[in-house]
Amino acid sequence: MIRVGMRRWIAALCVLAGLGAVQAEAADKVKVGFSPEPYAPFWIQDTSGKWDGFEVELIDALFKQMGKDYELVPVAWDGLIPSLQEGKIDAIMNSMSATEERKQVVDFSDKYYETTVSFYGRKDQPFDYSEAGLKGKVVAVQTATSQLSWLQQKWGNVVEIKLYDTQDNADADLAAGRIDYGLADTVYTAEGFLKSDAGKDFELKGEPVSDPMIGGNVGAAMRKGDPLLGEMNAAIKALRENGTYKAINDKYFAFDVFGG
């Protein structure tokens, strides 16, 4: 009886040790949050559901540079920062601009690309960037974005703002003629939507908008004080210096998306 009990006890310890090892391995894996919606050329999903694109490849290269394991964790866009604060994810890498408002609640890495926002609409539709020209126009914008905050403050009393949970849905309504203009990241619009079949009859309207409220610099977001920040900054610098960043960049862009 004693020997049988001892064997069971040892077996139980082995099971617990194995479980502990699995949990430790899971804890060591950095959870990178992203919104599971196509955002070409940054996030592209194939028919099997696999993700690819500039940002996906960059994430992989950065974590290889850091020598860390990671996993991509899908989270609705407006739930990304709350999920980060609650510890459900460890970082956000999803074309998130480092605005002053967001910096109040999370830390951002050094930029890994730079952008502006732009209006866009049908090629045959005149565009007048003035109060008179925009009066009553319906503008599509994704919820919980820096461009929404800017649009509400700058033109909220002039245009009708229509909110969308995803950029894809906003673009679909624009293509269907249900709205007048979209407002989104310039790089995404020029390199993604405007190069798609749905966007062939559309173009950027007016000059790209650059404003501190919008941000401009895109970085990885982490919880305040997380030591991962320093490692991320070092990895971004290393990829810029060793040519890896350029190799990834040149697969998706005809220019340096990093900016000046």
C-alpha atoms as a PDB file:
ATOM      1  CA  MET A   1       0.000   0.000   0.000  1.00  0.00           C
ATOM      2  CA  ILE A   2       2.787   2.385   0.836  1.00  0.00           C
ATOM      3  CA  ARG A   3       4.657   1.662  -2.414  1.00  0.00           C
ATOM      4  CA  VAL A   4       1.514   2.055  -4.547  1.00  0.00           C
ATOM      5  CA  GLY A   5       0.670   5.300  -2.822  1.00  0.00           C
ATOM      6  CA  MET A   6       4.237   6.525  -3.301  1.00  0.00           C
ATOM      7  CA  ARG A   7       4.093   5.741  -7.042  1.00  0.00           C
ATOM      8  CA  ARG A   8       0.802   7.651  -7.373  1.00  0.00           C
ATOM      9  CA  TRP A   9       2.283  10.572  -5.476  1.00  0.00           C
ATOM     10  CA  ILE A  10       5.369  10.649  -7.719  1.00  0.00           C
ATOM     11  CA  ALA A  11       3.164  10.381 -10.821  1.00  0.00           C
ATOM     12  CA  ALA A  12       1.066  13.302  -9.604  1.00  0.00           C
ATOM     13  CA  LEU A  13       4.197  15.379  -9.032  1.00  0.00           C
ATOM     14  CA  CYS A  14       5.365  14.625 -12.577  1.00  0.00           C
ATOM     15  CA  VAL A  15       2.023  15.759 -13.983  1.00  0.00           C
ATOM     16  CA  LEU A  16       2.171  18.972 -11.966  1.00  0.00           C
ATOM     17  CA  ALA A  17       5.759  19.573 -13.040  1.00  0.00           C
ATOM     18  CA  GLY A  18       4.809  19.102 -16.672  1.00  0.00           C
ATOM     19  CA  LEU A  19       1.861  21.469 -16.291  1.00  0.00           C
ATOM     20  CA  GLY A  20       4.120  24.010 -14.642  1.00  0.00           C
ATOM     21  CA  ALA A  21       6.570  23.787 -17.540  1.00  0.00           C
ATOM     22  CA  VAL A  22       3.770  24.375 -20.067  1.00  0.00           C
ATOM     23  CA  GLN A  23       2.498  27.350 -18.073  1.00  0.00           C
ATOM     24  CA  ALA A  24       6.004  28.797 -17.814  1.00  0.00           C
ATOM     25  CA  GLU A  25       6.486  28.413 -21.556  1.00  0.00           C
ATOM     26  CA  ALA A  26       3.149  30.146 -22.214  1.00  0.00           C
ATOM     27  CA  ALA A  27       4.118  32.949 -19.827  1.00  0.00           C
ATOM     28  CA  ASP A  28       7.402  33.478 -21.690  1.00  0.00           C
ATOM     29  CA  LYS A  29       5.598  33.924 -24.996  1.00  0.00           C
ATOM     30  CA  VAL A  30       4.803  37.576 -25.721  1.00  0.00           C
ATOM     31  CA  LYS A  31       1.177  38.084 -26.723  1.00  0.00           C
ATOM     32  CA  VAL A  32       0.934  40.626 -29.548  1.00  0.00           C
ATOM     33  CA  GLY A  33      -2.554  42.043 -30.034  1.00  0.00           C
ATOM     34  CA  PHE A  34      -3.975  42.960 -33.422  1.00  0.00           C
ATOM     35  CA  SER A  35      -7.394  43.665 -34.881  1.00  0.00           C
ATOM     36  CA  PRO A  36      -8.349  40.673 -37.075  1.00  0.00           C
ATOM     37  CA  GLU A  37      -9.350  42.620 -40.163  1.00  0.00           C
ATOM     38  CA  PRO A  38      -7.554  43.008 -43.498  1.00  0.00           C
ATOM     39  CA  TYR A  39      -5.534  46.224 -43.667  1.00  0.00           C
ATOM     40  CA  ALA A  40      -3.433  45.841 -46.803  1.00  0.00           C
ATOM     41  CA  PRO A  41      -0.528  45.988 -47.228  1.00  0.00           C
ATOM     42  CA  PHE A  42       0.080  45.831 -43.467  1.00  0.00           C
ATOM     43  CA  TRP A  43      -2.242  42.906 -42.697  1.00  0.00           C
ATOM     44  CA  ILE A  44      -3.312  40.545 -45.484  1.00  0.00           C
ATOM     45  CA  GLN A  45      -5.272  37.334 -44.861  1.00  0.00           C
ATOM     46  CA  ASP A  46      -5.206  34.462 -47.345  1.00  0.00           C
ATOM     47  CA  THR A  47      -8.004  31.968 -48.021  1.00  0.00           C
ATOM     48  CA  SER A  48      -6.697  29.614 -45.332  1.00  0.00           C
ATOM     49  CA  GLY A  49      -6.911  32.365 -42.710  1.00  0.00           C
ATOM     50  CA  LYS A  50      -3.148  32.887 -42.439  1.00  0.00           C
ATOM     51  CA  TRP A  51      -1.948  36.467 -41.939  1.00  0.00           C
ATOM     52  CA  ASP A  52       0.829  38.103 -43.945  1.00  0.00           C
ATOM     53  CA  GLY A  53       1.836  41.649 -44.837  1.00  0.00           C
ATOM     54  CA  PHE A  54       4.355  44.324 -43.930  1.00  0.00           C
ATOM     55  CA  GLU A  55       3.502  44.519 -40.255  1.00  0.00           C
ATOM     56  CA  VAL A  56       3.192  40.747 -39.859  1.00  0.00           C
ATOM     57  CA  GLU A  57       6.652  40.182 -41.334  1.00  0.00           C
ATOM     58  CA  LEU A  58       8.094  43.029 -39.286  1.00  0.00           C
ATOM     59  CA  ILE A  59       6.700  41.570 -36.045  1.00  0.00           C
ATOM     60  CA  ASP A  60       8.315  38.232 -36.830  1.00  0.00           C
ATOM     61  CA  ALA A  61      11.668  39.865 -37.622  1.00  0.00           C
ATOM     62  CA  LEU A  62      11.592  42.005 -34.465  1.00  0.00           C
ATOM     63  CA  PHE A  63      10.947  39.081 -32.143  1.00  0.00           C
ATOM     64  CA  LYS A  64      13.631  36.990 -33.838  1.00  0.00           C
ATOM     65  CA  GLN A  65      16.009  39.892 -33.286  1.00  0.00           C
ATOM     66  CA  MET A  66      15.011  39.970 -29.602  1.00  0.00           C
ATOM     67  CA  GLY A  67      15.252  36.189 -29.297  1.00  0.00           C
ATOM     68  CA  LYS A  68      11.716  35.951 -27.957  1.00  0.00           C
ATOM     69  CA  ASP A  69       8.751  33.763 -28.782  1.00  0.00           C
ATOM     70  CA  TYR A  70       5.463  35.482 -29.553  1.00  0.00           C
ATOM     71  CA  GLU A  71       1.914  34.772 -30.604  1.00  0.00           C
ATOM     72  CA  LEU A  72      -0.587  36.936 -32.466  1.00  0.00           C
ATOM     73  CA  VAL A  73      -3.757  37.474 -30.445  1.00  0.00           C
ATOM     74  CA  PRO A  74      -6.848  38.788 -32.280  1.00  0.00           C
ATOM     75  CA  VAL A  75      -8.708  41.548 -30.428  1.00  0.00           C
ATOM     76  CA  ALA A  76     -11.352  43.983 -31.704  1.00  0.00           C
ATOM     77  CA  TRP A  77      -9.711  47.340 -32.498  1.00  0.00           C
ATOM     78  CA  ASP A  78     -11.483  49.308 -29.766  1.00  0.00           C
ATOM     79  CA  GLY A  79     -10.570  46.610 -27.229  1.00  0.00           C
ATOM     80  CA  LEU A  80      -6.813  46.606 -27.896  1.00  0.00           C
ATOM     81  CA  ILE A  81      -5.727  49.172 -25.294  1.00  0.00           C
ATOM     82  CA  PRO A  82      -8.120  47.850 -22.599  1.00  0.00           C
ATOM     83  CA  SER A  83      -6.812  44.316 -23.252  1.00  0.00           C
ATOM     84  CA  LEU A  84      -3.244  45.574 -22.906  1.00  0.00           C
ATOM     85  CA  GLN A  85      -4.017  47.308 -19.611  1.00  0.00           C
ATOM     86  CA  GLU A  86      -5.780  44.205 -18.287  1.00  0.00           C
ATOM     87  CA  GLY A  87      -2.794  41.984 -19.106  1.00  0.00           C
ATOM     88  CA  LYS A  88      -4.586  39.910 -21.738  1.00  0.00           C
ATOM     89  CA  ILE A  89      -1.949  40.945 -24.266  1.00  0.00           C
ATOM     90  CA  ASP A  90       1.580  42.304 -23.833  1.00  0.00           C
ATOM     91  CA  ALA A  91       1.968  44.557 -26.854  1.00  0.00           C
ATOM     92  CA  ILE A  92      -0.040  46.113 -29.682  1.00  0.00           C
ATOM     93  CA  MET A  93       1.443  46.210 -33.178  1.00  0.00           C
ATOM     94  CA  ASN A  94      -1.405  47.164 -35.470  1.00  0.00           C
ATOM     95  CA  SER A  95      -0.633  50.481 -37.207  1.00  0.00           C
ATOM     96  CA  MET A  96      -1.465  52.391 -34.033  1.00  0.00           C
ATOM     97  CA  SER A  97      -0.387  56.040 -34.075  1.00  0.00           C
ATOM     98  CA  ALA A  98       1.416  57.300 -30.999  1.00  0.00           C
ATOM     99  CA  THR A  99      -0.953  60.166 -30.175  1.00  0.00           C
ATOM    100  CA  GLU A 100      -0.571  62.290 -27.058  1.00  0.00           C
ATOM    101  CA  GLU A 101      -3.898  60.983 -25.774  1.00  0.00           C
ATOM    102  CA  ARG A 102      -2.798  57.352 -26.052  1.00  0.00           C
ATOM    103  CA  LYS A 103       0.574  58.151 -24.462  1.00  0.00           C
ATOM    104  CA  GLN A 104      -1.292  59.023 -21.279  1.00  0.00           C
ATOM    105  CA  VAL A 105      -2.226  55.371 -20.759  1.00  0.00           C
ATOM    106  CA  VAL A 106       0.399  53.298 -22.630  1.00  0.00           C
ATOM    107  CA  ASP A 107       4.061  53.536 -23.607  1.00  0.00           C
ATOM    108  CA  PHE A 108       5.030  53.548 -27.276  1.00  0.00           C
ATOM    109  CA  SER A 109       8.217  52.241 -28.807  1.00  0.00           C
ATOM    110  CA  ASP A 110      10.239  54.273 -31.258  1.00  0.00           C
ATOM    111  CA  LYS A 111       8.403  54.524 -34.566  1.00  0.00           C
ATOM    112  CA  TYR A 112       8.553  51.698 -37.071  1.00  0.00           C
ATOM    113  CA  TYR A 113       6.745  53.652 -39.752  1.00  0.00           C
ATOM    114  CA  GLU A 114       5.331  57.109 -40.320  1.00  0.00           C
ATOM    115  CA  THR A 115       2.112  58.222 -41.948  1.00  0.00           C
ATOM    116  CA  THR A 116      -0.550  60.882 -42.306  1.00  0.00           C
ATOM    117  CA  VAL A 117      -4.293  60.616 -42.919  1.00  0.00           C
ATOM    118  CA  SER A 118      -6.183  61.567 -46.082  1.00  0.00           C
ATOM    119  CA  PHE A 119      -9.656  62.041 -47.415  1.00  0.00           C
ATOM    120  CA  TYR A 120     -10.491  59.853 -50.393  1.00  0.00           C
ATOM    121  CA  GLY A 121     -13.465  59.511 -52.728  1.00  0.00           C
ATOM    122  CA  ARG A 122     -14.598  58.905 -56.300  1.00  0.00           C
ATOM    123  CA  LYS A 123     -12.337  60.276 -59.016  1.00  0.00           C
ATOM    124  CA  ASP A 124     -15.280  62.034 -60.690  1.00  0.00           C
ATOM    125  CA  GLN A 125     -16.404  63.728 -57.454  1.00  0.00           C
ATOM    126  CA  PRO A 126     -15.052  67.274 -56.895  1.00  0.00           C
ATOM    127  CA  PHE A 127     -13.438  67.930 -53.521  1.00  0.00           C
ATOM    128  CA  ASP A 128     -13.345  71.288 -51.813  1.00  0.00           C
ATOM    129  CA  TYR A 129     -11.449  71.305 -48.523  1.00  0.00           C
ATOM    130  CA  SER A 130     -13.348  74.151 -46.930  1.00  0.00           C
ATOM    131  CA  GLU A 131     -16.347  74.600 -44.651  1.00  0.00           C
ATOM    132  CA  ALA A 132     -18.552  75.381 -47.634  1.00  0.00           C
ATOM    133  CA  GLY A 133     -17.205  72.457 -49.642  1.00  0.00           C
ATOM    134  CA  LEU A 134     -17.551  69.894 -46.847  1.00  0.00           C
ATOM    135  CA  LYS A 135     -20.870  71.142 -45.485  1.00  0.00           C
ATOM    136  CA  GLY A 136     -23.291  68.212 -45.165  1.00  0.00           C
ATOM    137  CA  LYS A 137     -20.924  65.655 -46.675  1.00  0.00           C
ATOM    138  CA  VAL A 138     -20.995  62.158 -45.181  1.00  0.00           C
ATOM    139  CA  VAL A 139     -17.507  61.010 -44.138  1.00  0.00           C
ATOM    140  CA  ALA A 140     -16.715  57.425 -43.171  1.00  0.00           C
ATOM    141  CA  VAL A 141     -14.193  56.801 -40.399  1.00  0.00           C
ATOM    142  CA  GLN A 142     -13.290  53.842 -38.225  1.00  0.00           C
ATOM    143  CA  THR A 143     -14.254  54.072 -34.578  1.00  0.00           C
ATOM    144  CA  ALA A 144     -11.624  54.531 -31.822  1.00  0.00           C
ATOM    145  CA  THR A 145      -9.060  55.994 -34.240  1.00  0.00           C
ATOM    146  CA  SER A 146      -6.980  59.151 -34.063  1.00  0.00           C
ATOM    147  CA  GLN A 147      -8.512  60.357 -37.331  1.00  0.00           C
ATOM    148  CA  LEU A 148     -11.960  60.165 -35.740  1.00  0.00           C
ATOM    149  CA  SER A 149     -10.844  62.414 -32.863  1.00  0.00           C
ATOM    150  CA  TRP A 150      -9.348  64.883 -35.328  1.00  0.00           C
ATOM    151  CA  LEU A 151     -12.423  64.859 -37.594  1.00  0.00           C
ATOM    152  CA  GLN A 152     -14.781  65.427 -34.662  1.00  0.00           C
ATOM    153  CA  GLN A 153     -12.754  68.401 -33.421  1.00  0.00           C
ATOM    154  CA  LYS A 154     -11.959  69.950 -36.805  1.00  0.00           C
ATOM    155  CA  TRP A 155     -15.096  69.301 -38.858  1.00  0.00           C
ATOM    156  CA  GLY A 156     -17.617  67.781 -36.442  1.00  0.00           C
ATOM    157  CA  ASN A 157     -20.062  70.683 -36.863  1.00  0.00           C
ATOM    158  CA  VAL A 158     -19.741  70.651 -40.654  1.00  0.00           C
ATOM    159  CA  VAL A 159     -19.763  67.051 -41.916  1.00  0.00           C
ATOM    160  CA  GLU A 160     -21.907  64.060 -41.029  1.00  0.00           C
ATOM    161  CA  ILE A 161     -19.594  61.464 -39.485  1.00  0.00           C
ATOM    162  CA  LYS A 162     -20.502  57.830 -40.074  1.00  0.00           C
ATOM    163  CA  LEU A 163     -18.704  55.342 -37.834  1.00  0.00           C
ATOM    164  CA  TYR A 164     -17.587  51.841 -38.781  1.00  0.00           C
ATOM    165  CA  ASP A 165     -16.197  49.014 -36.682  1.00  0.00           C
ATOM    166  CA  THR A 166     -13.684  48.080 -39.400  1.00  0.00           C
ATOM    167  CA  GLN A 167     -11.983  49.941 -42.240  1.00  0.00           C
ATOM    168  CA  ASP A 168     -13.166  47.261 -44.662  1.00  0.00           C
ATOM    169  CA  ASN A 169     -16.801  48.046 -43.864  1.00  0.00           C
ATOM    170  CA  ALA A 170     -16.190  51.761 -44.337  1.00  0.00           C
ATOM    171  CA  ASP A 171     -14.586  51.144 -47.724  1.00  0.00           C
ATOM    172  CA  ALA A 172     -17.439  48.845 -48.773  1.00  0.00           C
ATOM    173  CA  ASP A 173     -20.000  51.586 -48.107  1.00  0.00           C
ATOM    174  CA  LEU A 174     -17.854  54.124 -49.950  1.00  0.00           C
ATOM    175  CA  ALA A 175     -17.567  51.803 -52.962  1.00  0.00           C
ATOM    176  CA  ALA A 176     -21.339  51.275 -52.874  1.00  0.00           C
ATOM    177  CA  GLY A 177     -21.962  55.033 -53.024  1.00  0.00           C
ATOM    178  CA  ARG A 178     -23.573  55.277 -49.590  1.00  0.00           C
ATOM    179  CA  ILE A 179     -21.153  57.937 -48.348  1.00  0.00           C
ATOM    180  CA  ASP A 180     -19.218  60.815 -49.898  1.00  0.00           C
ATOM    181  CA  TYR A 181     -15.677  60.411 -48.569  1.00  0.00           C
ATOM    182  CA  GLY A 182     -13.544  58.225 -46.405  1.00  0.00           C
ATOM    183  CA  LEU A 183     -10.856  59.403 -43.991  1.00  0.00           C
ATOM    184  CA  ALA A 184      -8.078  56.957 -43.197  1.00  0.00           C
ATOM    185  CA  ASP A 185      -4.346  56.339 -42.992  1.00  0.00           C
ATOM    186  CA  THR A 186      -2.749  57.657 -46.200  1.00  0.00           C
ATOM    187  CA  VAL A 187      -0.420  54.705 -46.716  1.00  0.00           C
ATOM    188  CA  TYR A 188      -3.182  52.156 -46.175  1.00  0.00           C
ATOM    189  CA  THR A 189      -5.500  54.013 -48.554  1.00  0.00           C
ATOM    190  CA  ALA A 190      -2.925  54.536 -51.320  1.00  0.00           C
ATOM    191  CA  GLU A 191      -1.293  51.117 -51.107  1.00  0.00           C
ATOM    192  CA  GLY A 192      -4.328  49.076 -50.073  1.00  0.00           C
ATOM    193  CA  PHE A 193      -7.824  50.236 -50.998  1.00  0.00           C
ATOM    194  CA  LEU A 194      -6.913  52.326 -54.054  1.00  0.00           C
ATOM    195  CA  LYS A 195      -4.973  49.420 -55.554  1.00  0.00           C
ATOM    196  CA  SER A 196      -7.836  46.962 -55.041  1.00  0.00           C
ATOM    197  CA  ASP A 197     -10.584  46.221 -57.571  1.00  0.00           C
ATOM    198  CA  ALA A 198     -13.104  47.971 -55.322  1.00  0.00           C
ATOM    199  CA  GLY A 199     -10.941  51.096 -55.160  1.00  0.00           C
ATOM    200  CA  LYS A 200     -10.035  51.492 -58.834  1.00  0.00           C
ATOM    201  CA  ASP A 201     -12.469  54.403 -59.340  1.00  0.00           C
ATOM    202  CA  PHE A 202     -11.310  56.278 -56.242  1.00  0.00           C
ATOM    203  CA  GLU A 203      -8.441  58.593 -55.359  1.00  0.00           C
ATOM    204  CA  LEU A 204      -6.926  60.597 -52.517  1.00  0.00           C
ATOM    205  CA  LYS A 205      -8.570  63.983 -52.099  1.00  0.00           C
ATOM    206  CA  GLY A 206      -6.687  67.126 -51.152  1.00  0.00           C
ATOM    207  CA  GLU A 207      -3.371  67.163 -49.289  1.00  0.00           C
ATOM    208  CA  PRO A 208      -2.524  64.564 -46.625  1.00  0.00           C
ATOM    209  CA  VAL A 209      -3.362  65.796 -43.132  1.00  0.00           C
ATOM    210  CA  SER A 210      -0.541  66.000 -40.591  1.00  0.00           C
ATOM    211  CA  ASP A 211      -1.572  67.059 -37.102  1.00  0.00           C
ATOM    212  CA  PRO A 212      -0.236  66.298 -33.587  1.00  0.00           C
ATOM    213  CA  MET A 213      -3.693  64.994 -32.657  1.00  0.00           C
ATOM    214  CA  ILE A 214      -3.440  62.342 -35.364  1.00  0.00           C
ATOM    215  CA  GLY A 215       0.040  61.265 -34.335  1.00  0.00           C
ATOM    216  CA  GLY A 216       1.948  60.309 -37.450  1.00  0.00           C
ATOM    217  CA  ASN A 217       4.518  58.027 -35.861  1.00  0.00           C
ATOM    218  CA  VAL A 218       3.386  54.415 -35.559  1.00  0.00           C
ATOM    219  CA  GLY A 219       4.962  52.336 -32.802  1.00  0.00           C
ATOM    220  CA  ALA A 220       4.397  49.277 -30.639  1.00  0.00           C
ATOM    221  CA  ALA A 221       2.247  49.994 -27.578  1.00  0.00           C
ATOM    222  CA  MET A 222       3.055  48.414 -24.212  1.00  0.00           C
ATOM    223  CA  ARG A 223       1.992  48.795 -20.617  1.00  0.00           C
ATOM    224  CA  LYS A 224       3.578  51.682 -18.719  1.00  0.00           C
ATOM    225  CA  GLY A 225       7.025  50.726 -17.436  1.00  0.00           C
ATOM    226  CA  ASP A 226       7.248  47.390 -19.268  1.00  0.00           C
ATOM    227  CA  PRO A 227      10.960  46.513 -19.834  1.00  0.00           C
ATOM    228  CA  LEU A 228       9.942  45.057 -23.212  1.00  0.00           C
ATOM    229  CA  LEU A 229       9.973  48.658 -24.457  1.00  0.00           C
ATOM    230  CA  GLY A 230      13.769  48.944 -24.360  1.00  0.00           C
ATOM    231  CA  GLU A 231      14.213  45.608 -26.124  1.00  0.00           C
ATOM    232  CA  MET A 232      11.742  46.637 -28.819  1.00  0.00           C
ATOM    233  CA  ASN A 233      13.519  49.933 -29.446  1.00  0.00           C
ATOM    234  CA  ALA A 234      16.876  48.159 -29.754  1.00  0.00           C
ATOM    235  CA  ALA A 235      15.377  45.618 -32.183  1.00  0.00           C
ATOM    236  CA  ILE A 236      13.823  48.326 -34.386  1.00  0.00           C
ATOM    237  CA  LYS A 237      17.192  50.082 -34.566  1.00  0.00           C
ATOM    238  CA  ALA A 238      18.995  46.829 -35.374  1.00  0.00           C
ATOM    239  CA  LEU A 239      16.615  45.933 -38.218  1.00  0.00           C
ATOM    240  CA  ARG A 240      17.069  49.394 -39.711  1.00  0.00           C
ATOM    241  CA  GLU A 241      20.847  49.048 -39.548  1.00  0.00           C
ATOM    242  CA  ASN A 242      21.235  45.449 -40.754  1.00  0.00           C
ATOM    243  CA  GLY A 243      19.020  45.802 -43.833  1.00  0.00           C
ATOM    244  CA  THR A 244      16.174  43.564 -42.657  1.00  0.00           C
ATOM    245  CA  TYR A 245      13.739  46.454 -42.420  1.00  0.00           C
ATOM    246  CA  LYS A 246      14.544  47.589 -45.969  1.00  0.00           C
ATOM    247  CA  ALA A 247      14.092  44.069 -47.338  1.00  0.00           C
ATOM    248  CA  ILE A 248      10.617  43.832 -45.797  1.00  0.00           C
ATOM    249  CA  ASN A 249       9.752  47.414 -46.776  1.00  0.00           C
ATOM    250  CA  ASP A 250      10.684  46.850 -50.420  1.00  0.00           C
ATOM    251  CA  LYS A 251       8.318  43.867 -50.708  1.00  0.00           C
ATOM    252  CA  TYR A 252       5.329  46.134 -50.057  1.00  0.00           C
ATOM    253  CA  PHE A 253       6.298  49.729 -50.869  1.00  0.00           C
ATOM    254  CA  ALA A 254       8.118  51.655 -53.584  1.00  0.00           C
ATOM    255  CA  PHE A 255       9.288  54.144 -50.939  1.00  0.00           C
ATOM    256  CA  ASP A 256      10.677  54.070 -47.387  1.00  0.00           C
ATOM    257  CA  VAL A 257       7.559  53.901 -45.206  1.00  0.00           C
ATOM    258  CA  PHE A 258       9.743  54.673 -42.165  1.00  0.00           C
ATOM    259  CA  GLY A 259       9.771  58.338 -43.171  1.00  0.00           C
ATOM    260  CA  GLY A 260      12.293  61.004 -42.307  1.00  0.00           C
END
